[in-house]
Amino acid sequence: MPNEAANQEQDFLIDLLRATYQNQEVYPILQRNLSKLNEDLALKLRKWVGDRFAKEPAIAINLARVIIKLSTIIQEFEQGNIASNLEIAIAGYETVLQVCTREAFPQEWDIVQQALVTAYQQRQYILSRTIGELREQTVQTQSQINTLTEQLQEELQQAKLQVNDLTTTITELKEETSSSESAPEITSLIAELKELKQRQIRIEQFASTAHASPNIGQFNTAIFYDIENLTMGRSNPNLNFSLKQIQTNLENTNLVHKIAIQCAYADWSDSRLRLLKNEIQELGIEAIQIFDYSHKRNAADMQLAIDVMELAQNRPTLQVFVIVSGDGAFAALAKKLHEYGKTVIGCAYEGQINRILKSVCDCFIPIPAPQKKIVTKVLTTNSVNLS
């Protein structure tokens, strides 16, 4: 069944591309297949197109133009799940950048950049609206928890009073008489007392669970690495830093319990970053590929900020957000996280962090300034004739 579903998705994708190429009406096809317009289709589009570009480079640019047109149609399609439609369109735009480079196809490249900027803005608007809805739901849920806790506390207090009354009554009866006539009454009261005590214990346990539920989970931290900031630019990247040491320093703070998520943002197709990949894999850091769609805009910063805000709302157990960057643009992000009750830790080279960002962070962990590697040449009698 899974293979059949995957084949149906691929057939649907091919039908869309064929209809777009032949200038047919695409909307009717989309309307008949609303359930297939989801993030799985976005993933399928990335993989299928990437494979075709690799296998048939001769048709790559023509296929890219078709995908740009189809992505625009889906981006403007107002039926089904608007957020999913947008993710499919973004997948198409980002995929064609493998072919439509700025140098080779400047016109197509410029069209894709403008479309991506609009799509990213739409995604941010949808995310902000979703955040607002989730925030309202969170407030309502917390209010319900508080009401339930108050009711449980009242019941607990009543149970304690009943236990005290019964204890007093039993004591008085024991003192008044030890006759067999009172024995059944005392036995009944003792049984009732035991039942009330058990009920009291259950209420205390339930109240404790209800009170602690918003803070369940020890995995409370998410770390986001701005690799370009760590390498101090792309022209001559510095790789003389330790992600392991950064992680260790963070774990030594009393704010970080366990690390749930780690993401590193960079253009990982840059061969100079290969030295970092082994360490990233060993530390369980997810490498987020960022295509540099404009030299004037920092795509990594945009994607990092979007991911942070999405996690801040969808993962309530994440209470600590670590931004490994000295870029002052993240000061606004830190302030927004504070509005949602999150703790923000800044981490950057000492002396190279923006002062505003440092001032709004709850904690700042400095990274030692990178030292240039000194290569020592050793002369041996085997390699150099000294005679």
Protein backbone atom coordinates (compact mmCIF):
# COMPACT_ATOMS: atom_id res chain seq x y z
CA MET A 1 0.00 0.00 0.00
CA PRO A 2 2.75 2.56 0.79
CA ASN A 3 4.33 1.95 -2.64
CA GLU A 4 0.97 2.36 -4.32
CA ALA A 5 0.38 5.68 -2.57
CA ALA A 6 3.87 6.88 -3.53
CA ASN A 7 3.23 5.94 -7.18
CA GLN A 8 -0.07 7.84 -7.12
CA GLU A 9 1.69 10.95 -5.78
CA GLN A 10 4.36 10.73 -8.48
CA ASP A 11 1.71 10.24 -11.20
CA PHE A 12 -0.15 13.28 -9.86
CA LEU A 13 3.05 15.34 -9.94
CA ILE A 14 3.80 14.30 -13.51
CA ASP A 15 0.22 15.13 -14.56
CA LEU A 16 0.62 18.62 -13.11
CA LEU A 17 3.95 19.18 -14.89
CA ARG A 18 2.56 17.88 -18.19
CA ALA A 19 -0.53 20.09 -17.98
CA THR A 20 1.64 23.11 -17.16
CA TYR A 21 4.02 22.38 -20.04
CA GLN A 22 1.09 22.01 -22.47
CA ASN A 23 -0.56 25.25 -21.20
CA GLN A 24 -3.63 23.35 -20.01
CA GLU A 25 -5.87 24.43 -17.15
CA VAL A 26 -4.14 23.26 -13.96
CA TYR A 27 -6.74 24.45 -11.42
CA PRO A 28 -9.28 21.70 -12.23
CA ILE A 29 -6.59 19.07 -11.59
CA LEU A 30 -5.73 20.70 -8.28
CA GLN A 31 -9.41 20.90 -7.27
CA ARG A 32 -9.89 17.17 -7.89
CA ASN A 33 -6.83 16.29 -5.79
CA LEU A 34 -6.94 18.60 -2.77
CA SER A 35 -5.96 15.75 -0.42
CA LYS A 36 -2.70 15.25 -2.34
CA LEU A 37 -1.61 18.88 -1.88
CA ASN A 38 0.45 18.30 1.26
CA GLU A 39 4.05 18.45 2.45
CA ASP A 40 4.68 14.92 1.16
CA LEU A 41 4.13 16.27 -2.34
CA ALA A 42 6.68 19.03 -1.60
CA LEU A 43 9.25 16.38 -0.64
CA LYS A 44 8.36 14.31 -3.70
CA LEU A 45 8.83 17.38 -5.92
CA ARG A 46 12.31 18.08 -4.49
CA LYS A 47 13.47 14.49 -4.94
CA TRP A 48 11.95 13.85 -8.37
CA VAL A 49 13.20 17.10 -9.87
CA GLY A 50 16.66 16.69 -8.34
CA ASP A 51 16.93 13.21 -9.88
CA ARG A 52 15.82 14.47 -13.30
CA PHE A 53 18.30 17.35 -13.21
CA ALA A 54 21.09 14.88 -12.46
CA LYS A 55 20.06 12.27 -15.03
CA GLU A 56 19.04 14.59 -17.88
CA PRO A 57 21.02 17.84 -17.65
CA ALA A 58 20.21 18.70 -21.27
CA ILE A 59 16.55 19.33 -20.45
CA ALA A 60 17.18 20.81 -16.99
CA ILE A 61 16.59 24.49 -17.84
CA ASN A 62 13.36 23.77 -19.77
CA LEU A 63 12.10 21.63 -16.90
CA ALA A 64 13.07 24.38 -14.46
CA ARG A 65 10.94 26.93 -16.36
CA VAL A 66 7.95 24.57 -16.19
CA ILE A 67 8.45 24.13 -12.44
CA ILE A 68 8.62 27.90 -11.92
CA LYS A 69 5.30 28.29 -13.72
CA LEU A 70 3.68 25.43 -11.78
CA SER A 71 4.98 26.77 -8.46
CA THR A 72 3.45 30.17 -9.21
CA ILE A 73 0.08 28.54 -9.97
CA ILE A 74 0.10 26.50 -6.75
CA GLN A 75 1.23 29.53 -4.71
CA GLU A 76 -1.83 31.46 -5.95
CA PHE A 77 -4.23 28.50 -5.50
CA GLU A 78 -6.64 29.43 -2.69
CA GLN A 79 -8.31 26.07 -2.05
CA GLY A 80 -7.20 23.23 0.20
CA ASN A 81 -4.53 23.85 2.85
CA ILE A 82 -2.97 27.23 2.00
CA ALA A 83 0.13 26.51 4.11
CA SER A 84 0.74 23.21 2.28
CA ASN A 85 0.26 24.89 -1.09
CA LEU A 86 2.88 27.44 -0.11
CA GLU A 87 5.39 24.75 0.96
CA ILE A 88 4.97 23.00 -2.41
CA ALA A 89 5.60 26.29 -4.25
CA ILE A 90 8.68 27.04 -2.12
CA ALA A 91 10.01 23.54 -2.78
CA GLY A 92 9.69 24.17 -6.52
CA TYR A 93 11.40 27.58 -6.39
CA GLU A 94 14.27 26.36 -4.22
CA THR A 95 14.82 23.26 -6.35
CA VAL A 96 15.20 25.12 -9.65
CA LEU A 97 17.98 27.21 -8.14
CA GLN A 98 20.18 24.15 -8.72
CA VAL A 99 19.93 24.99 -12.42
CA CYS A 100 18.94 28.66 -12.60
CA THR A 101 22.12 30.22 -11.31
CA ARG A 102 22.64 33.95 -11.31
CA GLU A 103 25.51 33.73 -13.77
CA ALA A 104 23.97 31.33 -16.31
CA PHE A 105 20.31 32.40 -16.30
CA PRO A 106 20.01 35.85 -14.68
CA GLN A 107 16.42 36.47 -15.85
CA GLU A 108 15.04 33.21 -14.43
CA TRP A 109 17.19 33.63 -11.32
CA ASP A 110 15.71 37.07 -10.66
CA ILE A 111 12.13 35.78 -11.12
CA VAL A 112 12.75 32.98 -8.63
CA GLN A 113 14.28 35.37 -6.07
CA GLN A 114 11.28 37.69 -6.17
CA ALA A 115 8.89 34.74 -5.95
CA LEU A 116 10.80 33.29 -2.99
CA VAL A 117 10.76 36.58 -1.09
CA THR A 118 6.98 36.80 -1.54
CA ALA A 119 6.55 33.14 -0.56
CA TYR A 120 8.71 33.52 2.55
CA GLN A 121 6.69 36.58 3.58
CA GLN A 122 3.43 34.66 3.09
CA ARG A 123 4.79 31.75 5.12
CA GLN A 124 5.81 34.12 7.91
CA TYR A 125 2.32 35.67 7.93
CA ILE A 126 0.68 32.23 8.15
CA LEU A 127 3.09 31.26 10.89
CA SER A 128 2.37 34.45 12.85
CA ARG A 129 -1.37 33.85 12.56
CA THR A 130 -0.95 30.24 13.67
CA ILE A 131 1.21 31.39 16.57
CA GLY A 132 -1.56 33.75 17.67
CA GLU A 133 -4.15 30.97 17.56
CA LEU A 134 -1.90 28.57 19.46
CA ARG A 135 -1.13 31.24 22.02
CA GLU A 136 -4.86 31.78 22.60
CA GLN A 137 -5.40 28.01 22.93
CA THR A 138 -2.49 27.82 25.39
CA VAL A 139 -4.03 30.55 27.54
CA GLN A 140 -7.39 28.74 27.53
CA THR A 141 -5.75 25.42 28.43
CA GLN A 142 -3.78 27.00 31.24
CA SER A 143 -6.96 28.60 32.56
CA GLN A 144 -8.70 25.21 32.56
CA ILE A 145 -5.74 23.65 34.39
CA ASN A 146 -5.83 26.41 37.00
CA THR A 147 -9.59 25.94 37.51
CA LEU A 148 -9.18 22.17 37.84
CA THR A 149 -6.33 22.64 40.32
CA GLU A 150 -8.44 24.95 42.46
CA GLN A 151 -11.33 22.45 42.47
CA LEU A 152 -8.97 19.64 43.45
CA GLN A 153 -7.50 21.73 46.25
CA GLU A 154 -11.01 22.40 47.59
CA GLU A 155 -11.84 18.67 47.49
CA LEU A 156 -8.55 17.89 49.19
CA GLN A 157 -9.28 20.37 51.96
CA GLN A 158 -12.74 18.87 52.46
CA ALA A 159 -11.26 15.37 52.59
CA LYS A 160 -8.75 16.48 55.23
CA LEU A 161 -11.55 17.99 57.37
CA GLN A 162 -13.58 14.78 57.09
CA VAL A 163 -10.56 12.69 58.11
CA ASN A 164 -9.98 14.92 61.12
CA ASP A 165 -13.65 14.73 62.15
CA LEU A 166 -13.70 10.94 61.85
CA THR A 167 -10.44 10.61 63.77
CA THR A 168 -11.87 12.72 66.60
CA THR A 169 -15.10 10.73 66.63
CA ILE A 170 -13.32 7.39 66.76
CA THR A 171 -11.08 8.59 69.59
CA GLU A 172 -14.08 9.75 71.59
CA LEU A 173 -15.91 6.45 71.07
CA LYS A 174 -12.89 4.47 72.17
CA GLU A 175 -12.65 6.54 75.32
CA GLU A 176 -16.37 6.34 76.13
CA THR A 177 -16.82 2.62 75.83
CA SER A 178 -15.08 -0.60 75.08
CA SER A 179 -18.30 -2.63 75.05
CA SER A 180 -19.07 -5.03 72.23
CA GLU A 181 -22.18 -3.00 71.38
CA SER A 182 -20.04 -0.11 70.09
CA ALA A 183 -17.55 -2.32 68.30
CA PRO A 184 -19.51 -2.49 64.96
CA GLU A 185 -19.88 1.30 64.90
CA ILE A 186 -16.16 1.81 65.55
CA THR A 187 -15.25 -0.76 62.90
CA SER A 188 -17.48 1.01 60.36
CA LEU A 189 -15.94 4.38 61.19
CA ILE A 190 -12.42 2.98 60.88
CA ALA A 191 -13.24 1.55 57.44
CA GLU A 192 -14.68 4.91 56.38
CA LEU A 193 -11.56 6.64 57.67
CA LYS A 194 -9.30 4.35 55.62
CA GLU A 195 -11.35 5.01 52.50
CA LEU A 196 -11.14 8.77 53.03
CA LYS A 197 -7.37 8.59 53.51
CA GLN A 198 -6.99 6.68 50.24
CA ARG A 199 -9.14 9.25 48.50
CA GLN A 200 -7.00 12.01 49.98
CA ILE A 201 -3.84 10.38 48.62
CA ARG A 202 -5.36 10.03 45.14
CA ILE A 203 -6.46 13.68 45.11
CA GLU A 204 -2.99 14.85 46.22
CA GLN A 205 -1.33 12.81 43.47
CA PHE A 206 -3.74 14.06 40.82
CA ALA A 207 -3.40 17.67 41.97
CA SER A 208 0.38 17.38 41.87
CA THR A 209 0.26 16.00 38.31
CA ALA A 210 -2.13 18.71 37.13
CA HIS A 211 0.03 21.41 38.67
CA ALA A 212 3.26 20.06 37.13
CA SER A 213 1.90 19.21 33.68
CA PRO A 214 2.94 22.47 31.93
CA ASN A 215 6.60 21.77 32.83
CA ILE A 216 6.81 18.07 31.96
CA GLY A 217 9.89 17.02 30.00
CA GLN A 218 13.55 17.44 30.72
CA PHE A 219 14.47 18.08 27.09
CA ASN A 220 14.00 21.83 27.37
CA THR A 221 16.64 23.32 25.05
CA ALA A 222 16.98 24.06 21.32
CA ILE A 223 20.27 25.31 19.84
CA PHE A 224 20.57 27.16 16.54
CA TYR A 225 24.02 27.65 14.97
CA ASP A 226 24.62 30.46 12.46
CA ILE A 227 27.59 28.80 10.76
CA GLU A 228 28.41 31.80 8.57
CA ASN A 229 28.77 33.92 11.70
CA LEU A 230 30.98 31.29 13.33
CA THR A 231 33.20 31.03 10.25
CA MET A 232 33.39 34.84 10.17
CA GLY A 233 32.22 35.13 6.58
CA ARG A 234 32.46 33.10 3.41
CA SER A 235 35.40 34.64 1.57
CA ASN A 236 37.98 33.04 3.86
CA PRO A 237 36.06 30.93 6.38
CA ASN A 238 37.61 30.27 9.78
CA LEU A 239 37.04 26.65 10.88
CA ASN A 240 39.17 26.79 14.03
CA PHE A 241 36.32 26.43 16.55
CA SER A 242 34.78 23.51 18.44
CA LEU A 243 31.05 22.86 18.31
CA LYS A 244 31.60 20.21 21.00
CA GLN A 245 33.08 22.82 23.35
CA ILE A 246 30.19 25.19 22.67
CA GLN A 247 27.74 22.39 23.50
CA THR A 248 29.65 21.48 26.68
CA ASN A 249 29.68 25.09 27.90
CA LEU A 250 25.93 25.30 27.37
CA GLU A 251 25.28 22.04 29.24
CA ASN A 252 27.24 23.39 32.22
CA THR A 253 24.74 26.21 32.75
CA ASN A 254 21.87 25.66 35.17
CA LEU A 255 19.40 26.76 32.48
CA VAL A 256 20.03 23.83 30.12
CA HIS A 257 18.67 20.45 31.25
CA LYS A 258 18.78 18.30 28.11
CA ILE A 259 19.19 19.35 24.49
CA ALA A 260 16.17 18.42 22.37
CA ILE A 261 16.99 20.05 19.02
CA GLN A 262 20.14 21.35 17.32
CA CYS A 263 20.19 22.95 13.87
CA ALA A 264 23.14 24.38 11.93
CA TYR A 265 22.38 26.73 9.02
CA ALA A 266 24.79 27.04 6.11
CA ASP A 267 25.31 26.39 2.43
CA TRP A 268 26.65 22.89 3.02
CA SER A 269 27.43 22.47 -0.67
CA ASP A 270 30.51 24.62 0.02
CA SER A 271 33.35 22.09 -0.01
CA ARG A 272 35.27 24.12 2.59
CA LEU A 273 32.70 23.17 5.23
CA ARG A 274 33.34 19.43 4.90
CA LEU A 275 35.64 19.57 7.93
CA LEU A 276 32.61 20.43 10.10
CA LYS A 277 30.35 17.62 8.90
CA ASN A 278 31.90 14.82 10.97
CA GLU A 279 31.59 16.83 14.19
CA ILE A 280 28.01 17.81 13.34
CA GLN A 281 27.03 14.17 12.83
CA GLU A 282 28.73 13.07 16.06
CA LEU A 283 26.89 15.75 18.07
CA GLY A 284 23.50 14.99 16.52
CA ILE A 285 23.20 18.43 14.91
CA GLU A 286 20.85 18.69 11.94
CA ALA A 287 22.49 20.39 8.96
CA ILE A 288 19.98 22.81 7.39
CA GLN A 289 20.83 23.51 3.76
CA ILE A 290 20.49 27.18 2.85
CA PHE A 291 20.67 28.26 -0.78
CA ASP A 292 22.18 31.73 -1.07
CA TYR A 293 19.39 33.14 -3.21
CA SER A 294 20.66 36.70 -2.89
CA HIS A 295 24.02 38.11 -1.84
CA LYS A 296 22.22 41.06 -0.22
CA ARG A 297 19.90 39.01 1.96
CA ASN A 298 20.95 36.55 4.62
CA ALA A 299 18.76 33.53 3.87
CA ALA A 300 20.19 31.62 6.85
CA ASP A 301 19.05 34.33 9.29
CA MET A 302 15.54 34.32 7.82
CA GLN A 303 15.15 30.55 7.95
CA LEU A 304 16.64 30.34 11.45
CA ALA A 305 14.18 32.95 12.77
CA ILE A 306 11.21 31.20 11.15
CA ASP A 307 12.20 27.82 12.61
CA VAL A 308 12.71 29.31 16.08
CA MET A 309 9.25 30.90 16.19
CA GLU A 310 7.59 27.76 14.85
CA LEU A 311 9.20 25.62 17.55
CA ALA A 312 8.45 28.18 20.26
CA GLN A 313 4.74 27.67 19.61
CA ASN A 314 4.52 24.02 18.61
CA ARG A 315 6.84 22.64 21.32
CA PRO A 316 5.79 24.06 24.72
CA THR A 317 8.39 21.88 26.52
CA LEU A 318 11.14 23.90 24.83
CA GLN A 319 11.84 26.69 27.30
CA VAL A 320 15.47 27.61 26.46
CA PHE A 321 16.52 28.85 23.01
CA VAL A 322 20.23 29.23 22.26
CA ILE A 323 21.32 31.47 19.37
CA VAL A 324 24.94 30.82 18.43
CA SER A 325 25.58 34.04 16.54
CA GLY A 326 26.71 37.58 17.22
CA ASP A 327 24.45 39.05 14.54
CA GLY A 328 22.47 42.00 15.91
CA ALA A 329 19.49 41.08 13.71
CA PHE A 330 18.63 38.36 16.25
CA ALA A 331 17.94 40.92 18.99
CA ALA A 332 14.36 41.30 17.75
CA LEU A 333 13.98 37.52 17.75
CA ALA A 334 15.19 37.33 21.36
CA LYS A 335 12.67 39.99 22.42
CA LYS A 336 9.85 38.11 20.71
CA LEU A 337 10.85 34.89 22.49
CA HIS A 338 10.66 36.77 25.79
CA GLU A 339 7.06 37.71 24.96
CA TYR A 340 6.30 33.99 24.80
CA GLY A 341 7.95 33.37 28.17
CA LYS A 342 11.10 31.73 26.75
CA THR A 343 14.67 32.01 28.01
CA VAL A 344 17.28 33.14 25.46
CA ILE A 345 21.00 32.33 25.65
CA GLY A 346 23.42 34.13 23.36
CA CYS A 347 26.69 32.52 22.31
CA ALA A 348 29.29 34.22 20.13
CA TYR A 349 32.91 35.29 19.87
CA GLU A 350 33.78 37.55 22.78
CA GLY A 351 34.10 41.12 21.56
CA GLN A 352 32.24 40.38 18.31
CA ILE A 353 28.67 40.09 19.54
CA ASN A 354 26.24 42.92 18.90
CA ARG A 355 25.80 44.84 22.16
CA ILE A 356 22.01 45.07 21.77
CA LEU A 357 21.71 41.31 21.25
CA LYS A 358 23.91 40.69 24.28
CA SER A 359 21.83 43.04 26.44
CA VAL A 360 18.51 41.30 25.66
CA CYS A 361 19.82 37.76 26.20
CA ASP A 362 19.15 36.18 29.61
CA CYS A 363 22.63 34.67 29.55
CA PHE A 364 25.68 35.13 27.33
CA ILE A 365 28.33 32.46 26.84
CA PRO A 366 31.48 33.74 25.09
CA ILE A 367 33.41 31.69 22.54
CA PRO A 368 37.19 32.20 22.62
CA ALA A 369 38.45 34.26 19.68
CA PRO A 370 39.76 31.90 16.98
CA GLN A 371 43.52 31.47 16.75
CA LYS A 372 45.26 31.07 13.45
CA LYS A 373 46.87 27.69 13.02
CA ILE A 374 50.67 27.81 12.90
CA VAL A 375 52.25 25.24 10.64
CA THR A 376 55.73 24.20 11.74
CA LYS A 377 58.01 22.82 9.06
CA VAL A 378 60.40 20.11 10.27
CA LEU A 379 63.61 19.53 8.30
CA THR A 380 65.04 16.05 8.32
CA THR A 381 68.27 14.71 6.90
CA ASN A 382 66.20 12.36 4.75
CA SER A 383 64.43 15.20 2.94
CA VAL A 384 67.19 17.82 2.85
CA ASN A 385 70.86 17.26 2.02
CA LEU A 386 72.79 19.25 4.69
CA SER A 387 76.30 18.30 3.51
